[in-house]
Amino acid sequence: MTVIDEGRTALAAERPVGLHVAPDPVESDPHHGARETREQQERQGLHEQQKQQETREDWEQPSARPNSAALAAELAARKVQLEAGPSEQATAAQHAKGKLTARERIDLLLDPDTFVEVEGLRRHRATGFGLEHKRPYTDGVVAGWGLVDGRQVFVFAHDFRIFGGALGEAHAQKIQKVMDMAATTGSPLVGLCDGAGARIQEGVTALTGYGEIFRRNVRNSGVIPQISVMLGPCAGGAAYSPALTDFVFMVRDIAQMFITGPDVVRAVTGEEISQNGLGGADVHAGTTGVAHAVFDDEETCLLEVRYLLSLLPANNRELPPAEPVADPVDRSCPALLDLVPADPVRSYDMRAVIREIADDGEFYEVHQQWAGNVLCVLTRLGGQVVGIVANQPMVLAGVLDISASEKAARFVQFCDSFNIPLVTLVDVPGFLPGVVQEHGGVIRHGAKLLYAYCNATVPRISLILRKAYGGAYIVMDSRSIGTDLALAWPTNEIAVMGAEGAANVVFRREIAASKDPDATRAELIAQYREDLMHPYYAAERGLVDDVIDPAETRSRLISALAMLRTKDTVLPARKHGNQPQ
């Protein structure tokens, strides 16, 4: 017998027995039957009134009230039940798939013993299809708030053990609640996703729940950081919520995202493909660009989420968290002289440049596996968080293309939304030519990056390391589109195009008429480079603020960012711009 049963038994024993009304003797009367029935009804009514009165009196007696200890024990038993989940078998099945439970994931994400749950005792109210007989606590989602490195964060985690994590009315309202609480308190929101989509048995009510979540995703965009962590399946309309958030993390083999699954694809197109082949972590990290980061296990994934949160402000009204740093702000970087070849056609790893100038060589790269010709990283310079956009000469010579433009544009918009200064490291030969790019809309997609930079009001610094040619030079935060400070190394070449291509166009008649076209071409290329592409050409015209020693890059950037910290830019009054899509 449980504590609750004992309390209820004791309560019944203490309660006084109700009065019993004896029946009247039977009279010899022709209307006896009717009168007896009437009298029985009257006696029954009196009996019920007496019982109600006695019950009220009993309740007013302190000894008859439910025992507080018993109620507390009942509450504790319910809490143990909801925290344990539906059954040991369900938990074992989750672990057998290589997956953690919702609460195990929350424990990894948050600081120890800081999670506060909301609506843990919530149950659905749906009927039909046997749902009225299956009403587990939490309704398949654990929601609340806690701390990450001492800073408040809201979180919800689908519990696949309950209805496969499928979303119903109560489930959706719990998520909506923490989304609203995160917005009103100005705190980041992390969603740990492991659900089978809408709960089919609840019909359109479940779909409405998704619509309310999507609306809040959009309303909170640019207001609080939103992070989605994919730790299981996410199919159909459910996939749109992560796509609306700022960052999407995925774990290999256990996480998939797609609008229509392999069975539907097979039925409609005849194509055979697995779940991971259609929407697995590596597909979204390297092909679609939906996932910002991919990991082999949940523990590492959630650790990286914690690290990312350490670089972000709680909301758009705060600055990113600064940290004291032992790395000297005036540290010289002579290694940069050897890392970057003076020859503009030789490649190098831009990550090595970023590592050299960043505090303690640490940085967090976004979309590492997608559009590798441009790098987007969060790091610290002098203890202050900055976002760096950089061309990567090791991939496609660092050209801009459709994917690189989209990747960089979204990163610039994110940094601008959350008051993160931007540093742009430029070494770009132009936009990638070709029919595929033109027909794919490189004009429209390239304009996204241009729009993002022009619309950004955070401190912006551009540094030209080597080449900066044509429209790509303009797009990579040039002086003409509003960068606050334009710096360059002595190896910079700023021009409409490379000297070879320019000479072929400008001097084509001279080259064609020459007795030795190759020698003439080489001579004219050297002349063009000397006249229009020397490292001080742009500086002489005020398009570069200073040409700096590469070894001074770190100290100059930190000094410039400190100067720009109080920058205040007011945009024209408007509802919103109509950016390229």
Protein backbone atom coordinates (compact mmCIF):
# COMPACT_ATOMS: atom_id res chain seq x y z
CA MET A 1 0.00 0.00 0.00
CA THR A 2 1.40 3.41 -1.00
CA VAL A 3 1.60 6.50 1.15
CA ILE A 4 -1.35 7.88 -0.78
CA ASP A 5 -3.46 4.75 -0.16
CA GLU A 6 -2.68 4.86 3.54
CA GLY A 7 -3.71 8.50 3.70
CA ARG A 8 -7.00 7.80 1.96
CA THR A 9 -7.77 4.77 4.22
CA ALA A 10 -7.09 6.81 7.34
CA LEU A 11 -9.31 9.58 6.04
CA ALA A 12 -12.21 7.15 5.49
CA ALA A 13 -11.84 5.71 8.99
CA GLU A 14 -12.00 9.12 10.64
CA ARG A 15 -15.12 10.27 8.80
CA PRO A 16 -18.40 9.83 10.90
CA VAL A 17 -21.10 7.52 9.54
CA GLY A 18 -24.15 9.29 8.12
CA LEU A 19 -27.61 9.14 9.83
CA HIS A 20 -30.03 6.46 8.72
CA VAL A 21 -33.75 7.35 8.34
CA ALA A 22 -36.05 4.43 9.13
CA PRO A 23 -39.06 3.79 6.84
CA ASP A 24 -42.65 4.44 8.05
CA PRO A 25 -44.86 1.45 8.72
CA VAL A 26 -46.95 0.29 5.84
CA GLU A 27 -50.56 1.52 6.04
CA SER A 28 -53.59 -0.32 4.70
CA ASP A 29 -54.70 2.21 2.12
CA PRO A 30 -55.76 1.90 -1.55
CA HIS A 31 -53.31 4.68 -2.47
CA HIS A 32 -50.59 3.12 -0.44
CA GLY A 33 -48.34 2.40 -3.45
CA ALA A 34 -48.33 5.96 -4.75
CA ARG A 35 -48.01 7.45 -1.29
CA GLU A 36 -45.18 5.05 -0.48
CA THR A 37 -43.31 6.03 -3.58
CA ARG A 38 -43.74 9.71 -2.77
CA GLU A 39 -42.66 9.20 0.80
CA GLN A 40 -39.63 7.18 -0.29
CA GLN A 41 -38.58 10.00 -2.60
CA GLU A 42 -38.98 12.50 0.22
CA ARG A 43 -36.98 10.30 2.58
CA GLN A 44 -34.28 9.82 -0.08
CA GLY A 45 -34.06 13.58 -0.62
CA LEU A 46 -33.79 14.15 3.11
CA HIS A 47 -31.13 11.47 3.32
CA GLU A 48 -29.06 13.13 0.56
CA GLN A 49 -29.35 16.54 2.23
CA GLN A 50 -28.20 15.05 5.52
CA LYS A 51 -25.23 13.37 3.81
CA GLN A 52 -24.19 16.64 2.13
CA GLN A 53 -24.48 18.48 5.45
CA GLU A 54 -22.43 15.82 7.19
CA THR A 55 -19.81 15.95 4.45
CA ARG A 56 -19.50 19.72 4.88
CA GLU A 57 -19.22 19.33 8.62
CA ASP A 58 -16.69 16.55 8.22
CA TRP A 59 -14.55 18.70 5.88
CA GLU A 60 -14.60 21.51 8.40
CA GLN A 61 -13.09 19.18 10.98
CA PRO A 62 -9.25 19.40 10.81
CA SER A 63 -8.92 15.70 11.37
CA ALA A 64 -10.95 14.95 8.22
CA ARG A 65 -9.00 17.09 5.78
CA PRO A 66 -6.49 15.41 3.44
CA ASN A 67 -3.18 15.08 5.18
CA SER A 68 -0.59 17.56 3.84
CA ALA A 69 2.12 14.97 4.03
CA ALA A 70 -0.03 12.58 2.04
CA LEU A 71 -0.67 15.22 -0.61
CA ALA A 72 3.02 16.01 -0.79
CA ALA A 73 3.77 12.31 -1.13
CA GLU A 74 1.21 12.03 -3.92
CA LEU A 75 2.80 14.99 -5.71
CA ALA A 76 6.24 13.47 -5.32
CA ALA A 77 5.00 10.18 -6.73
CA ARG A 78 3.54 11.96 -9.75
CA LYS A 79 6.78 13.87 -10.31
CA VAL A 80 8.77 10.65 -10.15
CA GLN A 81 6.40 9.11 -12.67
CA LEU A 82 6.63 11.97 -15.16
CA GLU A 83 10.42 12.18 -14.85
CA ALA A 84 10.83 8.44 -15.34
CA GLY A 85 8.84 8.48 -18.56
CA PRO A 86 6.25 6.04 -19.84
CA SER A 87 8.13 2.82 -19.07
CA GLU A 88 11.52 1.23 -18.66
CA GLN A 89 10.96 -0.61 -21.94
CA ALA A 90 10.46 2.67 -23.81
CA THR A 91 13.63 4.10 -22.31
CA ALA A 92 15.57 0.98 -23.22
CA ALA A 93 14.27 1.18 -26.78
CA GLN A 94 15.43 4.80 -27.03
CA HIS A 95 18.88 3.90 -25.77
CA ALA A 96 19.04 0.92 -28.13
CA LYS A 97 18.78 3.37 -31.05
CA GLY A 98 21.84 5.17 -29.74
CA LYS A 99 19.70 8.08 -28.55
CA LEU A 100 19.39 9.80 -25.18
CA THR A 101 16.10 10.62 -23.52
CA ALA A 102 14.72 14.16 -23.45
CA ARG A 103 15.77 14.76 -19.85
CA GLU A 104 19.24 13.29 -20.38
CA ARG A 105 19.70 15.76 -23.22
CA ILE A 106 18.55 18.69 -21.14
CA ASP A 107 20.97 17.68 -18.38
CA LEU A 108 23.84 17.77 -20.88
CA LEU A 109 22.82 21.16 -22.25
CA LEU A 110 22.21 23.03 -19.01
CA ASP A 111 24.32 23.70 -15.96
CA PRO A 112 23.80 21.01 -13.28
CA ASP A 113 20.58 21.25 -11.23
CA THR A 114 19.35 24.44 -12.91
CA PHE A 115 16.47 23.10 -15.01
CA VAL A 116 13.01 24.31 -14.00
CA GLU A 117 10.18 22.51 -15.78
CA VAL A 118 6.87 24.08 -16.78
CA GLU A 119 3.65 22.16 -17.37
CA GLY A 120 5.22 18.84 -16.49
CA LEU A 121 1.81 17.54 -15.41
CA ARG A 122 0.16 18.59 -18.66
CA ARG A 123 -1.95 15.94 -20.43
CA HIS A 124 -3.78 16.04 -23.72
CA ARG A 125 -7.58 16.20 -23.82
CA ALA A 126 -8.07 14.49 -27.17
CA THR A 127 -10.52 11.64 -27.65
CA GLY A 128 -10.96 9.00 -30.30
CA PHE A 129 -8.60 6.35 -31.64
CA GLY A 130 -8.01 5.27 -28.05
CA LEU A 131 -6.29 8.53 -27.07
CA GLU A 132 -8.64 9.03 -24.13
CA HIS A 133 -7.07 5.95 -22.55
CA LYS A 134 -3.49 7.13 -23.16
CA ARG A 135 -2.84 10.39 -21.36
CA PRO A 136 0.80 10.38 -20.19
CA TYR A 137 2.29 13.32 -18.34
CA THR A 138 4.23 15.94 -20.41
CA ASP A 139 2.35 14.88 -23.57
CA GLY A 140 5.67 14.08 -25.21
CA VAL A 141 7.64 17.30 -24.69
CA VAL A 142 9.71 18.50 -21.72
CA ALA A 143 9.88 22.29 -21.49
CA GLY A 144 11.29 24.92 -19.15
CA TRP A 145 14.35 27.00 -18.48
CA GLY A 146 17.79 26.73 -16.92
CA LEU A 147 21.30 28.16 -17.09
CA VAL A 148 24.18 27.75 -19.53
CA ASP A 149 27.40 29.11 -18.02
CA GLY A 150 25.23 31.00 -15.57
CA ARG A 151 23.08 32.67 -18.25
CA GLN A 152 19.36 31.97 -18.64
CA VAL A 153 18.24 29.82 -21.56
CA PHE A 154 14.81 28.36 -22.39
CA VAL A 155 14.58 24.84 -23.79
CA PHE A 156 12.09 22.28 -25.02
CA ALA A 157 12.88 18.66 -25.82
CA HIS A 158 10.67 16.20 -27.67
CA ASP A 159 10.28 12.88 -25.87
CA PHE A 160 10.20 10.20 -28.56
CA ARG A 161 9.09 7.62 -26.00
CA ILE A 162 5.66 9.27 -25.81
CA PHE A 163 3.62 9.18 -29.04
CA GLY A 164 6.91 9.12 -30.96
CA GLY A 165 7.38 12.79 -30.01
CA ALA A 166 4.46 13.67 -32.30
CA LEU A 167 2.94 17.10 -31.80
CA GLY A 168 -0.63 17.50 -30.57
CA GLU A 169 -2.58 20.41 -29.10
CA ALA A 170 -1.18 20.25 -25.54
CA HIS A 171 2.32 19.44 -26.83
CA ALA A 172 2.28 22.47 -29.12
CA GLN A 173 0.96 24.81 -26.44
CA LYS A 174 3.82 23.87 -24.14
CA ILE A 175 6.37 24.77 -26.83
CA GLN A 176 4.51 28.00 -27.56
CA LYS A 177 4.60 28.86 -23.87
CA VAL A 178 8.37 28.63 -23.54
CA MET A 179 8.80 30.49 -26.84
CA ASP A 180 6.72 33.34 -25.43
CA MET A 181 8.58 33.24 -22.12
CA ALA A 182 11.93 33.37 -23.93
CA ALA A 183 10.79 36.38 -25.94
CA THR A 184 9.36 38.32 -23.00
CA THR A 185 12.41 37.69 -20.81
CA GLY A 186 14.90 38.26 -23.63
CA SER A 187 16.53 34.82 -23.39
CA PRO A 188 17.87 32.39 -26.03
CA LEU A 189 15.71 29.41 -27.01
CA VAL A 190 17.04 25.91 -27.76
CA GLY A 191 14.84 23.20 -29.27
CA LEU A 192 15.95 19.58 -28.93
CA CYS A 193 14.03 17.96 -31.77
CA ASP A 194 13.18 14.27 -31.92
CA GLY A 195 9.61 13.90 -33.12
CA ALA A 196 7.53 12.18 -35.76
CA GLY A 197 5.66 15.27 -36.93
CA ALA A 198 2.01 16.08 -36.36
CA ARG A 199 -0.11 13.74 -34.24
CA ILE A 200 -2.43 12.31 -36.90
CA GLN A 201 -5.14 11.36 -34.40
CA GLU A 202 -5.63 15.03 -33.46
CA GLY A 203 -6.08 16.16 -37.05
CA VAL A 204 -6.11 19.83 -37.91
CA THR A 205 -5.60 20.79 -34.26
CA ALA A 206 -2.04 19.49 -34.52
CA LEU A 207 -1.44 21.42 -37.74
CA THR A 208 -2.68 24.59 -36.07
CA GLY A 209 -0.13 24.00 -33.33
CA TYR A 210 2.66 24.03 -35.91
CA GLY A 211 1.35 27.23 -37.44
CA GLU A 212 1.47 28.95 -34.05
CA ILE A 213 5.06 27.76 -33.58
CA PHE A 214 6.12 29.01 -37.03
CA ARG A 215 4.57 32.40 -36.32
CA ARG A 216 6.56 32.68 -33.12
CA ASN A 217 9.77 31.59 -34.88
CA VAL A 218 9.37 34.49 -37.27
CA ARG A 219 8.30 36.97 -34.60
CA ASN A 220 11.33 36.07 -32.46
CA SER A 221 13.76 36.14 -35.39
CA GLY A 222 16.39 38.78 -34.77
CA VAL A 223 15.03 39.31 -31.24
CA ILE A 224 16.42 36.28 -29.39
CA PRO A 225 18.86 33.62 -30.62
CA GLN A 226 16.99 30.49 -31.69
CA ILE A 227 18.88 27.20 -32.01
CA SER A 228 17.48 23.88 -33.26
CA VAL A 229 19.26 20.64 -32.39
CA MET A 230 18.15 17.71 -34.54
CA LEU A 231 18.44 14.48 -32.56
CA GLY A 232 15.92 12.32 -34.40
CA PRO A 233 13.48 12.43 -37.31
CA CYS A 234 11.86 15.67 -38.42
CA ALA A 235 9.47 15.19 -41.34
CA GLY A 236 6.83 17.15 -43.17
CA GLY A 237 5.80 20.59 -41.99
CA ALA A 238 7.73 20.05 -38.76
CA ALA A 239 10.96 20.70 -40.69
CA TYR A 240 10.03 24.32 -41.29
CA SER A 241 10.45 25.38 -37.67
CA PRO A 242 14.18 24.51 -37.54
CA ALA A 243 14.63 26.14 -40.94
CA LEU A 244 13.28 29.40 -39.45
CA THR A 245 15.76 29.41 -36.57
CA ASP A 246 19.25 30.90 -36.51
CA PHE A 247 21.28 27.70 -36.21
CA VAL A 248 20.57 24.03 -36.93
CA PHE A 249 22.75 21.31 -35.40
CA MET A 250 22.45 17.66 -36.47
CA VAL A 251 23.83 14.33 -35.22
CA ARG A 252 24.86 11.76 -37.82
CA ASP A 253 22.82 8.60 -38.32
CA ILE A 254 20.05 9.47 -35.85
CA ALA A 255 18.82 12.80 -37.28
CA GLN A 256 16.96 13.30 -40.57
CA MET A 257 14.99 16.18 -42.04
CA PHE A 258 12.78 16.09 -45.13
CA ILE A 259 9.41 17.30 -46.33
CA THR A 260 8.44 14.00 -47.99
CA GLY A 261 10.05 10.76 -46.90
CA PRO A 262 11.61 7.98 -48.97
CA ASP A 263 8.30 6.10 -49.32
CA VAL A 264 6.56 9.11 -50.86
CA VAL A 265 9.54 9.82 -53.10
CA ARG A 266 9.48 6.22 -54.31
CA ALA A 267 5.74 6.31 -54.97
CA VAL A 268 5.83 9.62 -56.86
CA THR A 269 9.15 9.54 -58.72
CA GLY A 270 10.24 5.90 -58.54
CA GLU A 271 13.54 6.92 -56.93
CA GLU A 272 14.99 4.62 -54.29
CA ILE A 273 16.77 6.39 -51.45
CA SER A 274 17.35 5.91 -47.73
CA GLN A 275 16.33 8.35 -45.02
CA ASN A 276 19.92 9.47 -44.47
CA GLY A 277 20.52 9.70 -48.20
CA LEU A 278 17.46 11.92 -48.57
CA GLY A 279 17.76 14.13 -45.52
CA GLY A 280 20.58 12.95 -43.28
CA ALA A 281 22.99 15.17 -41.40
CA ASP A 282 25.76 15.17 -44.03
CA VAL A 283 23.28 15.93 -46.82
CA HIS A 284 22.06 19.04 -45.02
CA ALA A 285 25.55 20.06 -43.92
CA GLY A 286 27.26 19.72 -47.29
CA THR A 287 24.57 19.92 -49.97
CA THR A 288 21.49 21.86 -48.90
CA GLY A 289 23.06 24.16 -46.31
CA VAL A 290 20.19 23.57 -43.88
CA ALA A 291 22.51 22.32 -41.12
CA HIS A 292 25.14 24.67 -39.73
CA ALA A 293 27.09 21.93 -37.93
CA VAL A 294 27.18 18.12 -37.78
CA PHE A 295 28.49 15.84 -35.04
CA ASP A 296 29.01 12.14 -34.44
CA ASP A 297 27.36 12.01 -31.02
CA GLU A 298 24.87 13.90 -28.92
CA GLU A 299 27.32 14.74 -26.14
CA THR A 300 29.70 16.61 -28.46
CA CYS A 301 26.80 18.28 -30.23
CA LEU A 302 25.29 19.70 -27.04
CA LEU A 303 28.72 20.78 -25.81
CA GLU A 304 29.13 22.80 -29.01
CA VAL A 305 25.69 24.36 -28.50
CA ARG A 306 26.88 25.56 -25.10
CA TYR A 307 30.02 27.03 -26.71
CA LEU A 308 27.97 28.82 -29.37
CA LEU A 309 25.70 30.31 -26.70
CA SER A 310 28.79 31.68 -24.93
CA LEU A 311 29.46 33.83 -28.00
CA LEU A 312 25.93 35.21 -28.38
CA PRO A 313 24.03 37.94 -26.55
CA ALA A 314 20.83 36.97 -24.78
CA ASN A 315 18.80 39.21 -27.09
CA ASN A 316 19.02 42.01 -29.64
CA ARG A 317 19.13 44.69 -26.93
CA GLU A 318 22.38 43.43 -25.45
CA LEU A 319 25.97 43.28 -26.62
CA PRO A 320 27.70 39.91 -26.98
CA PRO A 321 29.37 38.75 -23.76
CA ALA A 322 32.93 40.00 -23.43
CA GLU A 323 35.60 37.97 -21.66
CA PRO A 324 38.97 38.88 -20.18
CA VAL A 325 41.73 37.55 -22.37
CA ALA A 326 45.36 36.74 -21.68
CA ASP A 327 46.31 37.06 -25.35
CA PRO A 328 47.86 40.56 -25.67
CA VAL A 329 45.82 42.95 -27.78
CA ASP A 330 49.02 44.36 -29.27
CA ARG A 331 50.46 40.96 -30.13
CA SER A 332 52.41 41.04 -33.39
CA CYS A 333 51.60 38.45 -36.06
CA PRO A 334 54.76 38.08 -38.16
CA ALA A 335 53.65 34.59 -39.22
CA LEU A 336 51.13 36.22 -41.54
CA LEU A 337 53.98 37.32 -43.80
CA ASP A 338 54.70 33.68 -44.57
CA LEU A 339 51.14 32.34 -44.46
CA VAL A 340 49.89 34.47 -47.34
CA PRO A 341 51.95 34.27 -50.58
CA ALA A 342 52.49 37.54 -52.41
CA ASP A 343 51.71 35.80 -55.70
CA PRO A 344 47.93 36.28 -56.18
CA VAL A 345 47.50 32.96 -57.98
CA ARG A 346 48.93 30.83 -55.18
CA SER A 347 46.45 29.42 -52.67
CA TYR A 348 46.62 29.30 -48.88
CA ASP A 349 44.31 28.44 -45.99
CA MET A 350 42.42 31.48 -44.74
CA ARG A 351 41.65 29.58 -41.53
CA ALA A 352 45.33 29.87 -40.64
CA VAL A 353 45.07 33.65 -40.99
CA ILE A 354 42.01 33.77 -38.73
CA ARG A 355 43.69 31.51 -36.20
CA GLU A 356 46.71 33.81 -36.12
CA ILE A 357 44.74 36.97 -35.34
CA ALA A 358 42.00 35.53 -33.06
CA ASP A 359 42.27 35.47 -29.28
CA ASP A 360 44.20 32.33 -28.35
CA GLY A 361 43.68 31.07 -31.91
CA GLU A 362 40.09 29.99 -31.15
CA PHE A 363 37.05 30.48 -33.38
CA TYR A 364 33.70 28.88 -34.14
CA GLU A 365 33.04 28.18 -37.82
CA VAL A 366 29.51 28.19 -39.22
CA HIS A 367 28.58 25.98 -42.20
CA GLN A 368 32.03 24.42 -42.32
CA GLN A 369 30.96 21.77 -44.87
CA TRP A 370 28.87 24.00 -47.15
CA ALA A 371 30.09 26.62 -49.63
CA GLY A 372 33.71 26.25 -48.55
CA ASN A 373 34.87 29.09 -50.80
CA VAL A 374 33.76 31.55 -48.12
CA LEU A 375 34.33 31.25 -44.36
CA CYS A 376 31.94 32.53 -41.70
CA VAL A 377 33.25 32.39 -38.14
CA LEU A 378 32.54 33.79 -34.69
CA THR A 379 35.58 34.59 -32.59
CA ARG A 380 36.95 37.11 -30.14
CA LEU A 381 39.40 39.93 -30.71
CA GLY A 382 40.61 41.57 -27.51
CA GLY A 383 37.89 39.71 -25.60
CA GLN A 384 35.08 41.11 -27.78
CA VAL A 385 32.97 38.86 -30.01
CA VAL A 386 33.21 39.54 -33.76
CA GLY A 387 31.92 37.86 -36.88
CA ILE A 388 34.44 37.26 -39.66
CA VAL A 389 33.52 36.74 -43.31
CA ALA A 390 36.50 35.66 -45.42
CA ASN A 391 37.17 34.33 -48.90
CA GLN A 392 38.88 30.92 -48.88
CA PRO A 393 41.52 30.69 -51.66
CA MET A 394 41.85 26.93 -51.12
CA VAL A 395 38.34 26.32 -52.50
CA LEU A 396 37.52 27.55 -56.03
CA ALA A 397 40.23 30.20 -55.56
CA GLY A 398 37.89 32.01 -53.16
CA VAL A 399 35.36 33.08 -55.80
CA LEU A 400 31.82 34.04 -54.87
CA ASP A 401 29.03 31.86 -56.23
CA ILE A 402 25.38 31.19 -55.42
CA SER A 403 25.95 29.12 -52.29
CA ALA A 404 28.76 31.29 -50.94
CA SER A 405 26.65 34.42 -51.38
CA GLU A 406 23.71 32.88 -49.52
CA LYS A 407 25.92 31.57 -46.73
CA ALA A 408 27.68 34.88 -46.16
CA ALA A 409 24.49 36.95 -46.50
CA ARG A 410 22.65 35.04 -43.80
CA PHE A 411 25.67 35.24 -41.49
CA VAL A 412 25.98 38.99 -41.99
CA GLN A 413 22.27 39.42 -41.23
CA PHE A 414 22.58 37.33 -38.08
CA CYS A 415 25.55 39.32 -36.79
CA ASP A 416 23.80 42.59 -37.53
CA SER A 417 20.66 41.40 -35.71
CA PHE A 418 22.59 40.64 -32.53
CA ASN A 419 25.08 43.53 -32.39
CA ILE A 420 28.10 41.50 -33.44
CA PRO A 421 30.72 43.61 -35.30
CA LEU A 422 31.82 42.40 -38.72
CA VAL A 423 35.34 41.96 -40.05
CA THR A 424 35.67 41.03 -43.74
CA LEU A 425 38.90 39.49 -45.00
CA VAL A 426 39.03 39.95 -48.78
CA ASP A 427 40.92 37.87 -51.31
CA VAL A 428 38.44 37.40 -54.14
CA PRO A 429 39.00 37.02 -57.90
CA GLY A 430 35.34 37.69 -58.75
CA PHE A 431 32.10 35.76 -59.18
CA LEU A 432 32.21 32.24 -60.56
CA PRO A 433 31.39 32.33 -64.31
CA GLY A 434 29.35 29.68 -66.12
CA VAL A 435 25.95 28.75 -67.47
CA VAL A 436 24.99 26.85 -64.31
CA GLN A 437 25.62 29.89 -62.15
CA GLU A 438 23.86 32.32 -64.46
CA HIS A 439 20.82 30.11 -64.93
CA GLY A 440 20.79 29.34 -61.22
CA GLY A 441 20.33 33.03 -60.45
CA VAL A 442 23.77 34.18 -59.36
CA ILE A 443 22.65 37.78 -59.90
CA ARG A 444 19.76 37.39 -57.48
CA HIS A 445 21.73 35.39 -54.93
CA GLY A 446 24.78 37.63 -55.14
CA ALA A 447 22.50 40.57 -54.47
CA LYS A 448 21.55 38.98 -51.13
CA LEU A 449 25.08 39.49 -49.82
CA LEU A 450 25.20 43.01 -51.18
CA TYR A 451 21.86 43.79 -49.50
CA ALA A 452 22.96 42.29 -46.18
CA TYR A 453 26.11 44.39 -45.99
CA CYS A 454 24.40 47.59 -47.09
CA ASN A 455 21.67 47.08 -44.49
CA ALA A 456 24.03 46.27 -41.59
CA THR A 457 24.47 48.94 -38.91
CA VAL A 458 27.02 47.18 -36.69
CA PRO A 459 30.71 48.22 -36.81
CA ARG A 460 32.19 47.01 -40.11
CA ILE A 461 35.85 46.71 -41.07
CA SER A 462 37.20 45.31 -44.32
CA LEU A 463 40.78 44.17 -44.87
CA ILE A 464 42.05 43.40 -48.38
CA LEU A 465 44.82 40.83 -48.21
CA ARG A 466 45.53 40.36 -51.92
CA LYS A 467 43.22 40.52 -54.91
CA ALA A 468 39.83 42.22 -54.97
CA TYR A 469 38.43 42.21 -58.47
CA GLY A 470 35.27 43.46 -60.10
CA GLY A 471 31.80 43.28 -58.60
CA ALA A 472 33.00 40.82 -55.96
CA TYR A 473 35.27 43.53 -54.55
CA ILE A 474 32.27 45.83 -54.17
CA VAL A 475 30.10 43.15 -52.58
CA MET A 476 32.74 42.13 -50.00
CA ASP A 477 32.00 45.20 -47.84
CA SER A 478 33.95 47.78 -49.81
CA ARG A 479 34.10 51.45 -48.89
CA SER A 480 31.45 52.26 -51.48
CA ILE A 481 28.77 50.15 -49.74
CA GLY A 482 29.42 51.54 -46.30
CA THR A 483 32.23 49.78 -44.48
CA ASP A 484 33.40 51.97 -41.61
CA LEU A 485 37.09 51.33 -42.10
CA ALA A 486 38.83 49.91 -45.17
CA LEU A 487 42.33 48.54 -44.61
CA ALA A 488 44.71 46.72 -46.96
CA TRP A 489 47.99 44.86 -46.94
CA PRO A 490 50.84 45.91 -49.26
CA THR A 491 50.00 42.85 -51.38
CA ASN A 492 46.54 44.20 -52.30
CA GLU A 493 45.38 44.41 -55.90
CA ILE A 494 42.10 46.23 -56.40
CA ALA A 495 40.86 46.38 -59.98
CA VAL A 496 38.01 45.70 -62.35
CA MET A 497 39.73 42.44 -63.23
CA GLY A 498 43.14 40.80 -63.11
CA ALA A 499 45.99 42.40 -65.01
CA GLU A 500 46.11 39.57 -67.58
CA GLY A 501 42.44 39.83 -68.48
CA ALA A 502 42.49 43.61 -68.42
CA ALA A 503 45.49 43.81 -70.73
CA ASN A 504 43.88 41.46 -73.22
CA VAL A 505 40.85 43.75 -73.40
CA VAL A 506 42.46 47.19 -73.18
CA PHE A 507 45.46 46.45 -75.41
CA ARG A 508 44.00 43.88 -77.77
CA ARG A 509 44.84 45.94 -80.89
CA GLU A 510 48.43 46.54 -79.81
CA ILE A 511 48.91 42.86 -79.01
CA ALA A 512 47.35 41.76 -82.31
CA ALA A 513 49.56 44.15 -84.34
CA SER A 514 52.75 43.15 -82.55
CA LYS A 515 55.39 41.05 -84.24
CA ASP A 516 55.86 39.26 -80.92
CA PRO A 517 52.39 39.15 -79.30
CA ASP A 518 53.54 37.21 -76.23
CA ALA A 519 56.31 39.63 -75.39
CA THR A 520 54.06 42.60 -76.04
CA ARG A 521 51.32 41.12 -73.86
CA ALA A 522 53.75 40.52 -70.99
CA GLU A 523 55.04 44.08 -71.27
CA LEU A 524 51.55 45.59 -71.32
CA ILE A 525 50.38 43.43 -68.40
CA ALA A 526 53.30 44.73 -66.33
CA GLN A 527 52.46 48.28 -67.40
CA TYR A 528 48.80 47.88 -66.44
CA ARG A 529 49.71 46.43 -63.06
CA GLU A 530 52.17 49.22 -62.36
CA ASP A 531 49.77 51.99 -63.38
CA LEU A 532 46.43 50.77 -61.99
CA MET A 533 47.03 47.90 -59.58
CA HIS A 534 49.87 48.98 -57.33
CA PRO A 535 49.10 48.65 -53.62
CA TYR A 536 48.63 52.39 -53.05
CA TYR A 537 46.35 53.16 -55.98
CA ALA A 538 43.11 52.82 -53.95
CA ALA A 539 44.62 54.52 -50.90
CA GLU A 540 45.62 57.53 -53.02
CA ARG A 541 41.97 57.89 -54.03
CA GLY A 542 40.55 57.52 -50.52
CA LEU A 543 39.05 54.08 -51.16
CA VAL A 544 41.37 52.49 -48.60
CA ASP A 545 41.93 54.20 -45.27
CA ASP A 546 45.35 52.73 -44.65
CA VAL A 547 47.82 50.18 -45.96
CA ILE A 548 49.11 48.24 -42.96
CA ASP A 549 51.91 45.83 -42.13
CA PRO A 550 50.39 42.31 -42.00
CA ALA A 551 52.16 41.74 -38.68
CA GLU A 552 50.06 44.57 -37.18
CA THR A 553 46.74 43.11 -38.31
CA ARG A 554 45.53 41.91 -34.90
CA SER A 555 46.35 45.11 -33.03
CA ARG A 556 44.94 47.36 -35.76
CA LEU A 557 41.66 45.44 -35.91
CA ILE A 558 41.22 45.49 -32.13
CA SER A 559 42.00 49.21 -32.00
CA ALA A 560 39.51 49.97 -34.79
CA LEU A 561 36.78 47.87 -33.19
CA ALA A 562 37.26 49.70 -29.89
CA MET A 563 36.88 53.02 -31.70
CA LEU A 564 33.66 51.85 -33.39
CA ARG A 565 32.08 50.39 -30.25
CA THR A 566 29.85 53.44 -29.78
CA LYS A 567 28.77 53.58 -33.44
CA ASP A 568 25.12 54.58 -33.81
CA THR A 569 23.43 54.39 -37.19
CA VAL A 570 19.78 55.23 -37.80
CA LEU A 571 18.13 53.67 -40.85
CA PRO A 572 15.31 55.42 -42.74
CA ALA A 573 11.83 54.86 -41.33
CA ARG A 574 10.22 51.89 -43.07
CA LYS A 575 8.32 48.74 -42.27
CA HIS A 576 11.03 46.54 -43.77
CA GLY A 577 13.07 46.31 -46.93
CA ASN A 578 12.29 44.05 -49.87
CA GLN A 579 15.49 42.04 -50.00
CA PRO A 580 16.30 39.71 -52.90
CA GLN A 581 14.97 36.17 -52.50
